[in-house]
């Protein structure tokens, strides 16, 4: 048994449900302990009530703060190539859409990924994931979408699967074959949609169990609502759970489509309207906000307060990708959500744990520190939760415990 004692502040998101996801949904225990039996949490409580068995392994938290392992529920971590030239172009005034229309954007990453092998993609992703883990992320979702051929989409998802052998994280795979229409199908859009949902592409991915979710970029510059509906329903019929990139740049009804098809989440939502909010709330769709993306692009953030006050389940993630969010730090995105979205540190932690777990259909076992939940724990080197986003840009994580085992420990 593993016992973590002398916890100055134990933060327990999800202990009490709240219709707004506000601070009342966070419980804290001062001077606390956690008992871990195998891979799961056995007990939490006041340190004065802790009676560890003689053979227990004891970790002294030194009076610091302990939180659940973070869950990054929207990333594109498997990619090749670099797009810093686009970063400079945006600084000089070109928009993300304009760069895409000129042949850049996602298509640049597609070319790089098509020229890379599975092993090369894995080798590029491993150090990224190790840095994310050292920052407190114990579960990560990774999408395909930079291949856009049968062989290259399967290659990307194979790399995602292989990463499980290289990093101590839960990795969740999402098929994003409908990320953009590839250049070779520029004038044959319907043919590409048919390829995505065919036995050749979607069928093989399902047969090989390479993905759990199917995502799509529903946007004027990508796929229409009608095209998205066709792809998502076909994926759902084959057993994949729908997700959407929704309402990011323009409002075309993507968030309402998410509700219609029973998506587990709609992500981005910078341009969501009242109809989308109502539809998502009624359907129980998780709103995944990506503060690092808006910050990186220099555009307005999603209306987090409006969504929280409406009673939606709000998660946050990095959207880590080489074009619109070259931000692999979820704690930095949490700080951005505090300063730019006006979410409190308690709301932000809930969004990156309990709510993020819900966006991956794992709220029954991840995202909380409670008996029976997986023992994914983070010991911080700060005294309380509020100090974590306050120290924006500094790694405040001292120890990461995954499934009851100390995997990462920083020695300053």
Protein backbone atom coordinates (compact mmCIF):
# COMPACT_ATOMS: atom_id res chain seq x y z
CA UNK A 1 0.00 0.00 0.00
CA UNK A 2 1.12 3.56 -0.80
CA UNK A 3 0.32 6.33 1.69
CA UNK A 4 0.72 10.02 0.86
CA UNK A 5 0.78 11.95 4.13
CA UNK A 6 1.23 15.51 5.33
CA UNK A 7 -0.77 16.95 2.42
CA UNK A 8 -1.27 20.63 3.14
CA UNK A 9 -4.27 20.95 0.81
CA UNK A 10 -5.93 17.99 -0.89
CA UNK A 11 -8.13 19.20 -3.76
CA UNK A 12 -11.07 16.99 -4.70
CA UNK A 13 -12.89 18.12 -7.86
CA UNK A 14 -16.15 16.34 -8.44
CA UNK A 15 -16.81 15.51 -4.82
CA UNK A 16 -20.05 17.50 -5.02
CA UNK A 17 -21.75 18.08 -8.35
CA UNK A 18 -22.69 21.68 -9.11
CA UNK A 19 -25.00 22.85 -11.90
CA UNK A 20 -22.55 25.61 -12.77
CA UNK A 21 -19.27 23.80 -12.22
CA UNK A 22 -18.25 26.64 -9.90
CA UNK A 23 -16.10 26.55 -6.78
CA UNK A 24 -18.80 24.66 -4.85
CA UNK A 25 -17.90 21.63 -6.99
CA UNK A 26 -14.42 21.55 -5.42
CA UNK A 27 -13.82 20.16 -1.95
CA UNK A 28 -10.56 20.67 -0.10
CA UNK A 29 -9.18 18.85 2.91
CA UNK A 30 -6.44 20.52 4.90
CA UNK A 31 -3.74 18.31 6.47
CA UNK A 32 -4.87 15.26 4.56
CA UNK A 33 -3.73 11.81 3.48
CA UNK A 34 -4.40 9.45 0.55
CA UNK A 35 -4.17 5.67 0.74
CA UNK A 36 -3.57 3.81 -2.52
CA UNK A 37 -4.11 0.08 -2.90
CA UNK A 38 -2.60 -1.21 -6.13
CA UNK A 39 -3.71 1.03 -9.00
CA UNK A 40 -6.67 2.68 -7.27
CA UNK A 41 -7.42 5.07 -4.44
CA UNK A 42 -8.52 3.24 -1.29
CA UNK A 43 -9.14 6.08 1.17
CA UNK A 44 -8.82 9.83 1.64
CA UNK A 45 -9.19 11.82 4.82
CA UNK A 46 -7.62 13.87 7.57
CA UNK A 47 -4.01 13.00 8.34
CA UNK A 48 -4.84 12.59 12.01
CA UNK A 49 -7.00 9.58 11.07
CA UNK A 50 -4.27 7.89 9.04
CA UNK A 51 -3.09 4.54 10.40
CA UNK A 52 -0.77 3.08 7.77
CA UNK A 53 0.14 -0.61 7.88
CA UNK A 54 3.75 -1.35 8.89
CA UNK A 55 4.78 -2.33 5.35
CA UNK A 56 3.24 0.70 3.62
CA UNK A 57 5.33 2.94 1.37
CA UNK A 58 5.08 6.48 2.74
CA UNK A 59 5.40 9.68 0.71
CA UNK A 60 5.67 12.93 2.64
CA UNK A 61 3.92 15.69 0.68
CA UNK A 62 5.72 18.26 2.87
CA UNK A 63 2.58 20.30 3.45
CA UNK A 64 2.04 20.96 -0.24
CA UNK A 65 -1.01 20.72 -2.51
CA UNK A 66 -2.17 17.47 -4.17
CA UNK A 67 -4.57 17.30 -7.14
CA UNK A 68 -5.77 14.59 -9.55
CA UNK A 69 -3.70 13.81 -12.61
CA UNK A 70 -4.63 16.18 -15.44
CA UNK A 71 -6.46 14.97 -18.54
CA UNK A 72 -5.67 16.65 -21.87
CA UNK A 73 -8.79 15.69 -23.84
CA UNK A 74 -8.01 17.36 -27.20
CA UNK A 75 -4.56 17.16 -28.81
CA UNK A 76 -2.86 16.54 -32.14
CA UNK A 77 0.40 15.42 -30.53
CA UNK A 78 1.45 13.06 -33.36
CA UNK A 79 2.78 15.25 -36.16
CA UNK A 80 5.90 15.93 -38.19
CA UNK A 81 7.42 19.11 -39.54
CA UNK A 82 7.34 22.67 -38.25
CA UNK A 83 5.22 25.70 -39.17
CA UNK A 84 7.04 28.60 -37.55
CA UNK A 85 6.81 30.50 -40.87
CA UNK A 86 3.04 30.66 -40.39
CA UNK A 87 3.57 31.90 -36.85
CA UNK A 88 5.56 34.84 -38.24
CA UNK A 89 2.99 35.48 -41.00
CA UNK A 90 0.23 35.76 -38.42
CA UNK A 91 2.33 38.22 -36.41
CA UNK A 92 2.61 40.25 -39.61
CA UNK A 93 -1.15 40.30 -40.10
CA UNK A 94 -2.20 37.23 -42.11
CA UNK A 95 -5.09 35.24 -40.71
CA UNK A 96 -5.16 31.50 -40.09
CA UNK A 97 -7.81 31.16 -42.82
CA UNK A 98 -5.81 33.20 -45.35
CA UNK A 99 -2.70 31.09 -44.76
CA UNK A 100 -4.78 27.95 -45.30
CA UNK A 101 -6.28 29.32 -48.51
CA UNK A 102 -2.77 29.97 -49.81
CA UNK A 103 -1.85 26.29 -49.41
CA UNK A 104 -0.46 26.38 -45.87
CA UNK A 105 -2.10 25.33 -42.64
CA UNK A 106 -3.09 21.71 -42.16
CA UNK A 107 -1.91 20.76 -45.65
CA UNK A 108 1.69 21.60 -44.64
CA UNK A 109 1.53 19.10 -41.78
CA UNK A 110 -0.13 16.55 -44.07
CA UNK A 111 2.85 16.60 -46.41
CA UNK A 112 5.30 16.16 -43.53
CA UNK A 113 3.35 13.28 -41.98
CA UNK A 114 3.00 11.48 -45.30
CA UNK A 115 6.78 11.55 -45.62
CA UNK A 116 7.34 10.12 -42.12
CA UNK A 117 7.27 6.51 -40.96
CA UNK A 118 5.44 5.14 -37.93
CA UNK A 119 8.72 4.91 -36.04
CA UNK A 120 9.62 8.49 -36.91
CA UNK A 121 6.23 9.75 -35.73
CA UNK A 122 6.61 7.85 -32.47
CA UNK A 123 10.14 9.19 -31.95
CA UNK A 124 8.91 12.75 -32.44
CA UNK A 125 5.94 12.34 -30.09
CA UNK A 126 7.66 10.60 -27.16
CA UNK A 127 9.57 13.64 -25.81
CA UNK A 128 6.46 15.79 -26.20
CA UNK A 129 4.43 13.37 -24.11
CA UNK A 130 7.17 13.01 -21.51
CA UNK A 131 7.19 16.78 -21.02
CA UNK A 132 3.41 16.81 -20.75
CA UNK A 133 3.57 14.03 -18.16
CA UNK A 134 6.17 15.91 -16.14
CA UNK A 135 3.71 18.82 -16.12
CA UNK A 136 1.02 16.70 -14.51
CA UNK A 137 -0.88 15.23 -17.49
CA UNK A 138 -1.57 11.54 -16.88
CA UNK A 139 -4.15 10.95 -19.64
CA UNK A 140 -4.04 12.37 -23.17
CA UNK A 141 -6.24 12.15 -26.24
CA UNK A 142 -4.46 12.16 -29.62
CA UNK A 143 -6.10 12.63 -33.02
CA UNK A 144 -5.08 11.56 -36.49
CA UNK A 145 -5.93 13.92 -39.35
CA UNK A 146 -2.56 14.77 -40.88
CA UNK A 147 -2.53 11.73 -43.16
CA UNK A 148 -5.77 11.98 -45.16
CA UNK A 149 -5.12 8.78 -47.10
CA UNK A 150 -6.03 5.29 -46.00
CA UNK A 151 -2.41 4.28 -45.41
CA UNK A 152 -1.41 7.52 -43.70
CA UNK A 153 -4.40 7.72 -41.37
CA UNK A 154 -3.76 4.13 -40.32
CA UNK A 155 -0.08 5.01 -39.93
CA UNK A 156 -0.88 7.88 -37.59
CA UNK A 157 -3.24 5.83 -35.45
CA UNK A 158 -0.72 2.99 -35.34
CA UNK A 159 1.81 5.49 -33.99
CA UNK A 160 -0.70 6.60 -31.35
CA UNK A 161 -1.18 2.99 -30.29
CA UNK A 162 2.57 2.32 -30.22
CA UNK A 163 3.14 5.32 -27.96
CA UNK A 164 1.49 3.41 -25.13
CA UNK A 165 4.66 1.32 -24.93
CA UNK A 166 6.88 4.37 -24.50
CA UNK A 167 5.17 6.67 -21.97
CA UNK A 168 3.36 5.96 -18.67
CA UNK A 169 0.10 7.60 -19.74
CA UNK A 170 -3.40 6.55 -20.68
CA UNK A 171 -3.58 7.43 -24.39
CA UNK A 172 -6.94 7.76 -26.13
CA UNK A 173 -7.07 7.60 -29.94
CA UNK A 174 -9.42 9.63 -32.15
CA UNK A 175 -9.90 9.21 -35.91
CA UNK A 176 -9.90 12.64 -37.62
CA UNK A 177 -9.78 11.64 -41.27
CA UNK A 178 -12.13 14.57 -41.97
CA UNK A 179 -9.70 17.26 -40.83
CA UNK A 180 -9.57 18.97 -44.22
CA UNK A 181 -10.13 17.99 -47.83
CA UNK A 182 -6.71 16.91 -49.19
CA UNK A 183 -5.33 18.67 -52.24
CA UNK A 184 -5.83 15.66 -54.52
CA UNK A 185 -9.57 15.77 -53.78
CA UNK A 186 -9.93 19.54 -54.05
CA UNK A 187 -12.50 19.25 -56.84
CA UNK A 188 -13.94 15.91 -55.69
CA UNK A 189 -15.16 16.63 -52.16
CA UNK A 190 -17.91 14.04 -52.19
CA UNK A 191 -15.44 11.37 -53.28
CA UNK A 192 -13.26 12.13 -50.26
CA UNK A 193 -16.22 12.00 -47.88
CA UNK A 194 -17.09 8.61 -49.38
CA UNK A 195 -13.49 7.44 -48.86
CA UNK A 196 -13.51 8.48 -45.20
CA UNK A 197 -16.62 6.42 -44.43
CA UNK A 198 -15.68 3.49 -46.65
CA UNK A 199 -14.69 -0.01 -45.61
CA UNK A 200 -11.25 0.90 -46.89
CA UNK A 201 -10.62 3.72 -44.40
CA UNK A 202 -13.16 3.80 -41.57
CA UNK A 203 -13.78 0.09 -41.83
CA UNK A 204 -10.12 -0.83 -41.43
CA UNK A 205 -9.65 1.57 -38.53
CA UNK A 206 -12.58 0.02 -36.68
CA UNK A 207 -11.53 -3.53 -37.55
CA UNK A 208 -8.02 -2.92 -36.24
CA UNK A 209 -9.41 -1.14 -33.14
CA UNK A 210 -7.20 1.87 -33.78
CA UNK A 211 -9.63 4.54 -32.53
CA UNK A 212 -12.38 5.03 -29.98
CA UNK A 213 -13.75 8.35 -31.24
CA UNK A 214 -14.42 9.98 -34.61
CA UNK A 215 -13.86 13.72 -34.85
CA UNK A 216 -14.47 16.15 -37.72
CA UNK A 217 -13.60 19.77 -38.46
CA UNK A 218 -17.00 21.31 -39.20
CA UNK A 219 -16.22 24.72 -40.65
CA UNK A 220 -16.69 26.76 -43.82
CA UNK A 221 -13.07 26.06 -44.77
CA UNK A 222 -13.33 22.34 -43.98
CA UNK A 223 -16.53 20.24 -43.89
CA UNK A 224 -20.15 21.38 -44.07
CA UNK A 225 -22.82 20.39 -41.58
CA UNK A 226 -24.27 17.98 -44.14
CA UNK A 227 -20.90 16.35 -44.84
CA UNK A 228 -20.15 16.17 -41.13
CA UNK A 229 -23.49 14.56 -40.33
CA UNK A 230 -22.89 11.87 -42.97
CA UNK A 231 -19.41 11.04 -41.64
CA UNK A 232 -20.30 11.11 -37.94
CA UNK A 233 -23.40 8.94 -38.34
CA UNK A 234 -21.43 6.43 -40.40
CA UNK A 235 -18.74 6.31 -37.71
CA UNK A 236 -21.34 6.01 -34.96
CA UNK A 237 -22.97 3.10 -36.79
CA UNK A 238 -19.59 1.33 -36.78
CA UNK A 239 -19.16 1.88 -33.03
CA UNK A 240 -17.06 5.05 -32.80
CA UNK A 241 -18.26 7.88 -30.56
CA UNK A 242 -18.69 11.27 -32.31
CA UNK A 243 -16.76 14.42 -31.45
CA UNK A 244 -16.64 17.73 -33.33
CA UNK A 245 -14.36 20.67 -33.92
CA UNK A 246 -17.28 23.11 -33.69
CA UNK A 247 -17.95 26.84 -34.00
CA UNK A 248 -14.27 27.77 -34.11
CA UNK A 249 -14.02 30.38 -36.86
CA UNK A 250 -17.55 30.81 -38.22
CA UNK A 251 -21.04 29.91 -37.05
CA UNK A 252 -22.60 27.29 -39.32
CA UNK A 253 -24.47 25.20 -36.77
CA UNK A 254 -21.74 22.75 -35.73
CA UNK A 255 -22.57 22.81 -32.02
CA UNK A 256 -26.22 22.05 -32.81
CA UNK A 257 -25.06 19.16 -35.00
CA UNK A 258 -23.03 17.84 -32.05
CA UNK A 259 -26.21 17.63 -30.02
CA UNK A 260 -28.12 16.08 -32.91
CA UNK A 261 -25.68 13.19 -33.47
CA UNK A 262 -25.13 12.51 -29.77
CA UNK A 263 -21.51 13.66 -29.68
CA UNK A 264 -19.68 13.27 -26.38
CA UNK A 265 -18.07 16.69 -26.87
CA UNK A 266 -17.99 19.76 -29.08
CA UNK A 267 -14.59 21.45 -29.01
CA UNK A 268 -13.48 25.08 -29.62
CA UNK A 269 -16.84 26.97 -29.52
CA UNK A 270 -15.36 30.44 -29.98
CA UNK A 271 -18.41 31.46 -32.06
CA UNK A 272 -21.13 29.44 -30.34
CA UNK A 273 -24.58 31.05 -30.25
CA UNK A 274 -27.58 30.72 -27.97
CA UNK A 275 -29.09 27.90 -30.05
CA UNK A 276 -25.91 25.90 -29.79
CA UNK A 277 -25.71 26.41 -26.02
CA UNK A 278 -29.28 25.22 -25.51
CA UNK A 279 -28.88 22.22 -27.82
CA UNK A 280 -25.65 21.09 -26.17
CA UNK A 281 -27.07 21.47 -22.66
CA UNK A 282 -30.20 19.50 -23.52
CA UNK A 283 -28.13 16.72 -25.13
CA UNK A 284 -25.47 16.59 -22.41
CA UNK A 285 -22.60 17.43 -24.78
CA UNK A 286 -19.36 18.42 -23.03
CA UNK A 287 -18.01 21.83 -24.09
CA UNK A 288 -14.23 21.48 -24.55
CA UNK A 289 -12.57 24.91 -24.63
CA UNK A 290 -9.07 25.47 -25.99
CA UNK A 291 -7.64 28.64 -24.45
CA UNK A 292 -4.11 28.01 -25.73
CA UNK A 293 -5.35 28.01 -29.32
CA UNK A 294 -7.06 31.40 -29.14
CA UNK A 295 -4.07 32.79 -27.25
CA UNK A 296 -1.63 31.43 -29.84
CA UNK A 297 -3.68 32.77 -32.76
CA UNK A 298 -4.39 36.09 -31.05
CA UNK A 299 -8.19 35.82 -31.39
CA UNK A 300 -11.11 36.06 -28.98
CA UNK A 301 -11.54 33.26 -26.46
CA UNK A 302 -14.62 31.05 -26.26
CA UNK A 303 -17.28 32.46 -23.91
CA UNK A 304 -16.47 30.26 -20.93
CA UNK A 305 -18.52 32.21 -18.39
CA UNK A 306 -21.63 32.08 -20.58
CA UNK A 307 -21.28 28.32 -20.97
CA UNK A 308 -20.61 27.71 -17.27
CA UNK A 309 -23.49 29.94 -16.20
CA UNK A 310 -25.78 28.11 -18.64
CA UNK A 311 -25.00 24.86 -16.84
CA UNK A 312 -22.88 23.12 -19.47
CA UNK A 313 -20.10 20.75 -18.47
CA UNK A 314 -16.98 22.71 -19.46
CA UNK A 315 -13.60 21.07 -20.05
CA UNK A 316 -10.35 22.61 -21.22
CA UNK A 317 -7.50 21.14 -23.26
CA UNK A 318 -4.38 22.30 -25.07
CA UNK A 319 -5.29 21.56 -28.71
CA UNK A 320 -1.54 20.94 -29.01
CA UNK A 321 -0.73 21.05 -32.74
CA UNK A 322 1.94 22.58 -34.99
CA UNK A 323 -0.24 25.25 -36.58
CA UNK A 324 -2.79 26.89 -34.31
CA UNK A 325 -1.66 25.88 -30.81
CA UNK A 326 2.00 24.97 -30.42
CA UNK A 327 1.30 24.79 -26.70
CA UNK A 328 1.94 21.45 -25.02
CA UNK A 329 1.49 22.70 -21.43
CA UNK A 330 -1.99 22.12 -20.02
CA UNK A 331 -1.09 24.04 -16.83
CA UNK A 332 -0.25 27.08 -19.00
CA UNK A 333 -3.63 26.74 -20.72
CA UNK A 334 -5.24 26.56 -17.27
CA UNK A 335 -3.58 29.88 -16.39
CA UNK A 336 -4.77 31.42 -19.67
CA UNK A 337 -8.30 30.22 -18.90
CA UNK A 338 -8.08 32.07 -15.58
CA UNK A 339 -6.75 35.34 -16.97
CA UNK A 340 -8.56 35.51 -20.32
CA UNK A 341 -11.71 33.42 -19.81
CA UNK A 342 -12.23 34.54 -16.19
CA UNK A 343 -12.52 31.01 -14.89
CA UNK A 344 -11.50 30.52 -11.27
CA UNK A 345 -8.64 28.14 -10.43
CA UNK A 346 -11.22 25.72 -8.99
CA UNK A 347 -13.28 25.81 -12.18
CA UNK A 348 -10.16 25.34 -14.27
CA UNK A 349 -8.99 22.31 -12.28
CA UNK A 350 -12.42 20.73 -12.59
CA UNK A 351 -12.34 21.44 -16.33
CA UNK A 352 -8.97 19.70 -16.70
CA UNK A 353 -9.92 16.67 -14.60
CA UNK A 354 -13.54 15.63 -13.98
CA UNK A 355 -15.01 17.38 -17.03
CA UNK A 356 -12.14 16.34 -19.30
CA UNK A 357 -12.73 12.75 -18.20
CA UNK A 358 -16.38 13.14 -19.19
CA UNK A 359 -15.27 14.35 -22.63
CA UNK A 360 -13.48 11.00 -23.03
CA UNK A 361 -16.23 8.84 -21.50
CA UNK A 362 -14.02 8.08 -18.49
CA UNK A 363 -15.67 10.04 -15.69
CA UNK A 364 -16.38 6.80 -13.83
CA UNK A 365 -12.71 6.07 -13.20
CA UNK A 366 -10.54 9.12 -13.98
CA UNK A 367 -10.38 12.76 -12.91
CA UNK A 368 -11.17 12.38 -9.21
CA UNK A 369 -9.37 11.40 -6.02
CA UNK A 370 -11.95 9.07 -4.53
CA UNK A 371 -12.12 5.40 -3.50
CA UNK A 372 -12.20 3.15 -6.54
CA UNK A 373 -10.80 5.76 -8.92
CA UNK A 374 -7.49 5.23 -10.67
CA UNK A 375 -4.64 6.57 -8.53
CA UNK A 376 -3.40 9.26 -10.90
CA UNK A 377 -2.08 11.95 -8.57
CA UNK A 378 0.02 15.09 -8.77
CA UNK A 379 1.96 16.60 -5.88
CA UNK A 380 2.61 20.29 -6.45
CA UNK A 381 5.30 22.44 -4.91
CA UNK A 382 2.78 25.15 -4.00
CA UNK A 383 0.72 25.49 -0.82
CA UNK A 384 -2.74 25.73 -2.38
CA UNK A 385 -4.58 25.39 -5.69
CA UNK A 386 -4.80 29.14 -6.35
CA UNK A 387 -1.00 29.40 -6.42
CA UNK A 388 -0.74 27.01 -9.38
CA UNK A 389 -2.22 29.15 -12.19
CA UNK A 390 -0.90 32.23 -10.40
CA UNK A 391 2.60 30.88 -11.12
CA UNK A 392 1.88 30.82 -14.86
CA UNK A 393 4.76 29.51 -16.96
CA UNK A 394 6.56 27.73 -14.09
CA UNK A 395 6.37 23.97 -13.69
CA UNK A 396 4.89 23.61 -10.21
CA UNK A 397 4.71 19.81 -10.39
CA UNK A 398 7.10 17.97 -8.09
CA UNK A 399 5.78 14.38 -8.28
CA UNK A 400 3.50 12.50 -10.67
CA UNK A 401 1.94 9.21 -9.59
CA UNK A 402 0.35 7.03 -12.30
CA UNK A 403 -1.79 4.05 -11.34
CA UNK A 404 -0.35 4.11 -7.84
CA UNK A 405 3.31 4.25 -8.89
CA UNK A 406 5.70 7.21 -8.60
CA UNK A 407 6.80 7.74 -12.19
CA UNK A 408 8.07 11.31 -12.31
CA UNK A 409 9.81 13.18 -9.52
CA UNK A 410 11.56 16.50 -9.86
CA UNK A 411 14.63 17.04 -7.73
CA UNK A 412 15.38 20.76 -7.55
